[in-house]
Amino acid sequence: MLLSFAACLYFPWWSIAIVAFIVAALIPQGAGKSFFTGFLALFLLWGGLSFWISNNNDHILAHKVSLLILKIDSPYLLMLATALIGGVVAGFAAMTGSFLRKKKVTSPSY
């Protein structure tokens, strides 16, 4: 979670996927556990950050954006959607990293 937060300060939003991939490739876990930990870490990070940012401006922007995107006035549903997107991206990246770790590459002998 901390590495993703730091990466997003200097790189585009999708750097969370790269961080989740690298962390899951370095730490031995199963595919399901890697997905869950990557999903949970970014779900909490992006959910917390979106709530904190939105709460600091009394949810003014979140009201307007939720009307544009979700067609209903629900800033909390928009925060949930934001957290889900971040969680799914990081979860699949972490699962891919765990698959890479499990794959044993053998060089062919000629």
C-alpha atoms as a PDB file:
ATOM      1  CA  MET A   1       0.000   0.000   0.000  1.00  0.00           C
ATOM      2  CA  LEU A   2       2.803   2.383   0.921  1.00  0.00           C
ATOM      3  CA  LEU A   3       4.758   1.722  -2.260  1.00  0.00           C
ATOM      4  CA  SER A   4       1.639   2.319  -4.370  1.00  0.00           C
ATOM      5  CA  PHE A   5       0.975   5.591  -2.579  1.00  0.00           C
ATOM      6  CA  ALA A   6       4.548   6.734  -3.163  1.00  0.00           C
ATOM      7  CA  ALA A   7       4.487   5.616  -6.807  1.00  0.00           C
ATOM      8  CA  CYS A   8       1.299   7.576  -7.486  1.00  0.00           C
ATOM      9  CA  LEU A   9       2.965  10.735  -6.218  1.00  0.00           C
ATOM     10  CA  TYR A  10       5.499  10.642  -9.055  1.00  0.00           C
ATOM     11  CA  PHE A  11       4.047   8.369 -11.739  1.00  0.00           C
ATOM     12  CA  PRO A  12       0.649   7.864 -13.446  1.00  0.00           C
ATOM     13  CA  TRP A  13      -2.209   6.135 -11.655  1.00  0.00           C
ATOM     14  CA  TRP A  14      -1.536   2.799 -13.322  1.00  0.00           C
ATOM     15  CA  SER A  15       1.817   2.547 -11.543  1.00  0.00           C
ATOM     16  CA  ILE A  16      -0.166   0.760  -8.811  1.00  0.00           C
ATOM     17  CA  ALA A  17      -0.299  -2.249 -11.120  1.00  0.00           C
ATOM     18  CA  ILE A  18       3.466  -2.285 -11.559  1.00  0.00           C
ATOM     19  CA  VAL A  19       4.020  -2.024  -7.812  1.00  0.00           C
ATOM     20  CA  ALA A  20       1.503  -4.800  -7.046  1.00  0.00           C
ATOM     21  CA  PHE A  21       3.091  -6.998  -9.732  1.00  0.00           C
ATOM     22  CA  ILE A  22       6.611  -6.534  -8.337  1.00  0.00           C
ATOM     23  CA  VAL A  23       5.581  -7.065  -4.719  1.00  0.00           C
ATOM     24  CA  ALA A  24       3.659 -10.243  -5.559  1.00  0.00           C
ATOM     25  CA  ALA A  25       6.540 -11.534  -7.682  1.00  0.00           C
ATOM     26  CA  LEU A  26       8.955 -11.040  -4.772  1.00  0.00           C
ATOM     27  CA  ILE A  27       6.775 -12.440  -1.976  1.00  0.00           C
ATOM     28  CA  PRO A  28       5.774 -16.092  -2.373  1.00  0.00           C
ATOM     29  CA  GLN A  29       1.982 -16.438  -2.169  1.00  0.00           C
ATOM     30  CA  GLY A  30      -0.696 -18.352  -3.960  1.00  0.00           C
ATOM     31  CA  ALA A  31      -2.631 -16.717  -6.773  1.00  0.00           C
ATOM     32  CA  GLY A  32      -5.810 -16.269  -4.739  1.00  0.00           C
ATOM     33  CA  LYS A  33      -4.013 -14.817  -1.756  1.00  0.00           C
ATOM     34  CA  SER A  34      -2.023 -12.483  -4.009  1.00  0.00           C
ATOM     35  CA  PHE A  35      -5.213 -11.226  -5.649  1.00  0.00           C
ATOM     36  CA  PHE A  36      -6.898 -10.712  -2.289  1.00  0.00           C
ATOM     37  CA  THR A  37      -3.978  -8.869  -0.698  1.00  0.00           C
ATOM     38  CA  GLY A  38      -3.437  -6.663  -3.755  1.00  0.00           C
ATOM     39  CA  PHE A  39      -7.158  -5.944  -3.994  1.00  0.00           C
ATOM     40  CA  LEU A  40      -7.544  -5.196  -0.299  1.00  0.00           C
ATOM     41  CA  ALA A  41      -4.485  -2.952  -0.096  1.00  0.00           C
ATOM     42  CA  LEU A  42      -5.525  -0.741  -2.999  1.00  0.00           C
ATOM     43  CA  PHE A  43      -9.213  -0.855  -2.144  1.00  0.00           C
ATOM     44  CA  LEU A  44      -8.403   0.569   1.270  1.00  0.00           C
ATOM     45  CA  LEU A  45      -5.845   3.044  -0.091  1.00  0.00           C
ATOM     46  CA  TRP A  46      -7.988   4.487  -2.884  1.00  0.00           C
ATOM     47  CA  GLY A  47     -11.176   4.341  -0.830  1.00  0.00           C
ATOM     48  CA  GLY A  48      -9.523   6.154   2.045  1.00  0.00           C
ATOM     49  CA  LEU A  49      -7.836   8.720  -0.166  1.00  0.00           C
ATOM     50  CA  SER A  50     -10.988   9.454  -2.156  1.00  0.00           C
ATOM     51  CA  PHE A  51     -12.983   9.868   1.053  1.00  0.00           C
ATOM     52  CA  TRP A  52     -10.322  12.110   2.590  1.00  0.00           C
ATOM     53  CA  ILE A  53     -10.027  14.316  -0.504  1.00  0.00           C
ATOM     54  CA  SER A  54     -13.792  14.495  -0.965  1.00  0.00           C
ATOM     55  CA  ASN A  55     -14.447  15.189   2.698  1.00  0.00           C
ATOM     56  CA  ASN A  56     -11.989  18.099   2.663  1.00  0.00           C
ATOM     57  CA  ASN A  57     -14.094  19.938   0.085  1.00  0.00           C
ATOM     58  CA  ASP A  58     -17.498  18.927   1.533  1.00  0.00           C
ATOM     59  CA  HIS A  59     -18.074  16.447  -1.327  1.00  0.00           C
ATOM     60  CA  ILE A  60     -18.778  19.272  -3.802  1.00  0.00           C
ATOM     61  CA  LEU A  61     -16.822  17.761  -6.687  1.00  0.00           C
ATOM     62  CA  ALA A  62     -17.926  14.208  -5.864  1.00  0.00           C
ATOM     63  CA  HIS A  63     -21.593  15.257  -6.108  1.00  0.00           C
ATOM     64  CA  LYS A  64     -21.029  16.711  -9.578  1.00  0.00           C
ATOM     65  CA  VAL A  65     -18.882  13.843 -10.875  1.00  0.00           C
ATOM     66  CA  SER A  66     -21.292  11.201  -9.560  1.00  0.00           C
ATOM     67  CA  LEU A  67     -24.092  12.931 -11.462  1.00  0.00           C
ATOM     68  CA  LEU A  68     -22.006  12.840 -14.639  1.00  0.00           C
ATOM     69  CA  ILE A  69     -20.707   9.286 -14.368  1.00  0.00           C
ATOM     70  CA  LEU A  70     -23.264   7.372 -12.291  1.00  0.00           C
ATOM     71  CA  LYS A  71     -26.328   9.475 -13.191  1.00  0.00           C
ATOM     72  CA  ILE A  72     -27.267   9.665  -9.496  1.00  0.00           C
ATOM     73  CA  ASP A  73     -26.192  12.062  -6.775  1.00  0.00           C
ATOM     74  CA  SER A  74     -24.179   9.719  -4.571  1.00  0.00           C
ATOM     75  CA  PRO A  75     -20.616  10.727  -3.735  1.00  0.00           C
ATOM     76  CA  TYR A  76     -20.177   7.642  -1.539  1.00  0.00           C
ATOM     77  CA  LEU A  77     -21.068   5.327  -4.422  1.00  0.00           C
ATOM     78  CA  LEU A  78     -18.492   7.158  -6.518  1.00  0.00           C
ATOM     79  CA  MET A  79     -15.887   6.576  -3.784  1.00  0.00           C
ATOM     80  CA  LEU A  80     -16.825   2.898  -3.736  1.00  0.00           C
ATOM     81  CA  ALA A  81     -16.444   2.688  -7.522  1.00  0.00           C
ATOM     82  CA  THR A  82     -13.048   4.382  -7.281  1.00  0.00           C
ATOM     83  CA  ALA A  83     -11.903   1.948  -4.608  1.00  0.00           C
ATOM     84  CA  LEU A  84     -13.178  -1.044  -6.619  1.00  0.00           C
ATOM     85  CA  ILE A  85     -11.325   0.040  -9.761  1.00  0.00           C
ATOM     86  CA  GLY A  86      -8.065   0.447  -7.866  1.00  0.00           C
ATOM     87  CA  GLY A  87      -8.574  -2.851  -6.074  1.00  0.00           C
ATOM     88  CA  VAL A  88      -9.321  -4.846  -9.217  1.00  0.00           C
ATOM     89  CA  VAL A  89      -6.344  -3.393 -11.107  1.00  0.00           C
ATOM     90  CA  ALA A  90      -3.947  -4.129  -8.245  1.00  0.00           C
ATOM     91  CA  GLY A  91      -5.497  -7.539  -7.566  1.00  0.00           C
ATOM     92  CA  PHE A  92      -5.037  -8.783 -11.115  1.00  0.00           C
ATOM     93  CA  ALA A  93      -1.527  -7.340 -11.286  1.00  0.00           C
ATOM     94  CA  ALA A  94      -0.598  -9.086  -8.035  1.00  0.00           C
ATOM     95  CA  MET A  95      -2.099 -12.344  -9.266  1.00  0.00           C
ATOM     96  CA  THR A  96      -0.066 -12.060 -12.456  1.00  0.00           C
ATOM     97  CA  GLY A  97       3.067 -11.484 -10.393  1.00  0.00           C
ATOM     98  CA  SER A  98       2.384 -14.606  -8.350  1.00  0.00           C
ATOM     99  CA  PHE A  99       1.900 -16.635 -11.547  1.00  0.00           C
ATOM    100  CA  LEU A 100       5.227 -15.361 -12.830  1.00  0.00           C
ATOM    101  CA  ARG A 101       6.924 -16.430  -9.616  1.00  0.00           C
ATOM    102  CA  LYS A 102       5.459 -19.935  -9.880  1.00  0.00           C
ATOM    103  CA  LYS A 103       6.451 -20.399 -13.499  1.00  0.00           C
ATOM    104  CA  LYS A 104       9.689 -22.291 -13.700  1.00  0.00           C
ATOM    105  CA  VAL A 105      11.569 -21.332 -16.799  1.00  0.00           C
ATOM    106  CA  THR A 106      13.908 -23.999 -18.042  1.00  0.00           C
ATOM    107  CA  SER A 107      16.223 -23.399 -20.909  1.00  0.00           C
ATOM    108  CA  PRO A 108      16.149 -26.018 -23.625  1.00  0.00           C
ATOM    109  CA  SER A 109      19.277 -28.079 -23.995  1.00  0.00           C
ATOM    110  CA  TYR A 110      20.505 -28.413 -27.533  1.00  0.00           C
END
